[in-house]
Amino acid sequence: MDQAGAQRSTDQTRSAALHRLDEPTVNGHAATGLSQFSRPTLIAWSADDAFFPLIDGQRLADVLPDSRLEVIQQSRTFSMIDQPDRLAELIAAFARPSTAAAAA
């Protein structure tokens, strides 16, 4: 398969997956509850992900009330492989109690 054929195949697979995610039977219960989730949430998203574009991460961050979207540069789908140190920094900073919370 040439490069153009491979790209078409990837695009078709992604389109089918995203269409399925829009079906209420697949994500209806989870999606309706996201706006009710009240815990702080870190969304670490790969900047160069070809399968899950950044707009998907932004939409997720918009739905979760107490979320923080962090974009991991120079990373594709598997940021834990492409940028493990950056991902670990983000998780550590997110898990560390803030100065304000520690004083309360």
Protein backbone atom coordinates (compact mmCIF):
# COMPACT_ATOMS: atom_id res chain seq x y z
CA MET A 1 0.00 0.00 0.00
CA ASP A 2 1.38 3.41 -0.94
CA GLN A 3 1.43 6.39 1.43
CA ALA A 4 -1.78 7.90 0.04
CA GLY A 5 -3.59 4.57 0.43
CA ALA A 6 -2.33 4.20 3.99
CA GLN A 7 -3.55 7.72 4.82
CA ARG A 8 -7.00 6.98 3.34
CA SER A 9 -7.19 3.78 5.39
CA THR A 10 -6.22 5.66 8.56
CA ASP A 11 -8.78 8.39 7.82
CA GLN A 12 -11.54 5.82 7.22
CA THR A 13 -10.71 3.94 10.43
CA ARG A 14 -10.69 7.17 12.46
CA SER A 15 -13.95 8.32 10.90
CA ALA A 16 -15.63 5.01 11.73
CA ALA A 17 -14.34 5.12 15.32
CA LEU A 18 -15.51 8.70 15.86
CA HIS A 19 -18.91 7.93 14.34
CA ARG A 20 -19.28 5.03 16.75
CA LEU A 21 -18.36 7.26 19.70
CA ASP A 22 -21.26 9.53 18.77
CA GLU A 23 -23.73 6.66 19.18
CA PRO A 24 -25.68 7.04 22.45
CA THR A 25 -25.41 3.31 23.18
CA VAL A 26 -21.61 3.53 23.20
CA ASN A 27 -20.92 6.62 25.27
CA GLY A 28 -24.29 7.92 26.38
CA HIS A 29 -24.02 6.96 30.03
CA ALA A 30 -20.41 8.09 30.44
CA ALA A 31 -20.82 11.32 28.49
CA THR A 32 -23.88 12.45 30.42
CA GLY A 33 -22.05 12.04 33.70
CA LEU A 34 -18.89 13.95 32.76
CA SER A 35 -20.34 17.37 33.52
CA GLN A 36 -21.30 16.08 36.98
CA PHE A 37 -17.76 14.92 37.79
CA SER A 38 -16.51 17.28 40.48
CA ARG A 39 -12.94 16.15 41.07
CA PRO A 40 -9.90 17.92 39.59
CA THR A 41 -8.89 16.27 36.33
CA LEU A 42 -5.65 16.41 34.38
CA ILE A 43 -6.04 15.84 30.67
CA ALA A 44 -2.60 15.22 29.17
CA TRP A 45 -2.96 15.24 25.37
CA SER A 46 -0.41 14.50 22.69
CA ALA A 47 0.04 17.47 20.36
CA ASP A 48 0.74 15.42 17.23
CA ASP A 49 -1.74 12.58 17.75
CA ALA A 50 -3.00 11.50 14.32
CA PHE A 51 -5.87 9.41 15.69
CA PHE A 52 -7.17 11.61 18.51
CA PRO A 53 -6.79 15.26 17.44
CA LEU A 54 -6.31 18.05 19.94
CA ILE A 55 -9.87 19.27 19.39
CA ASP A 56 -11.07 16.06 21.09
CA GLY A 57 -9.01 16.91 24.17
CA GLN A 58 -10.33 20.46 24.14
CA ARG A 59 -13.92 19.21 23.94
CA LEU A 60 -13.27 16.87 26.87
CA ALA A 61 -11.79 19.73 28.90
CA ASP A 62 -14.83 21.87 28.11
CA VAL A 63 -17.18 19.21 29.50
CA LEU A 64 -15.27 18.42 32.71
CA PRO A 65 -15.86 21.32 35.13
CA ASP A 66 -12.57 21.18 37.07
CA SER A 67 -10.19 20.04 34.36
CA ARG A 68 -6.85 21.22 33.11
CA LEU A 69 -5.73 20.40 29.56
CA GLU A 70 -1.98 20.04 29.11
CA VAL A 71 -0.67 19.55 25.59
CA ILE A 72 2.48 17.45 25.34
CA GLN A 73 4.59 18.73 22.47
CA GLN A 74 6.59 16.41 20.19
CA SER A 75 4.34 13.53 21.11
CA ARG A 76 2.04 11.32 19.10
CA THR A 77 -0.58 8.88 20.38
CA PHE A 78 1.61 7.38 23.10
CA SER A 79 2.92 10.36 25.04
CA MET A 80 4.11 8.03 27.79
CA ILE A 81 6.61 6.61 25.28
CA ASP A 82 7.36 9.76 23.26
CA GLN A 83 7.71 12.18 26.20
CA PRO A 84 7.78 10.15 29.43
CA ASP A 85 9.62 12.79 31.46
CA ARG A 86 7.20 15.55 30.47
CA LEU A 87 4.19 13.39 31.23
CA ALA A 88 5.66 12.43 34.63
CA GLU A 89 6.28 16.13 35.41
CA LEU A 90 2.66 16.97 34.61
CA ILE A 91 1.29 14.15 36.74
CA ALA A 92 3.61 14.97 39.66
CA ALA A 93 2.68 18.66 39.55
CA PHE A 94 -1.02 17.81 39.34
CA ALA A 95 -0.85 15.37 42.26
CA ARG A 96 1.22 17.69 44.45
CA PRO A 97 -0.96 19.68 46.85
CA SER A 98 -1.07 23.37 46.04
CA THR A 99 0.25 25.89 48.56
CA ALA A 100 -3.26 27.29 49.06
CA ALA A 101 -4.77 23.86 49.69
CA ALA A 102 -1.99 22.91 52.09
CA ALA A 103 -2.53 26.12 54.12
CA ALA A 104 -6.27 25.51 54.50
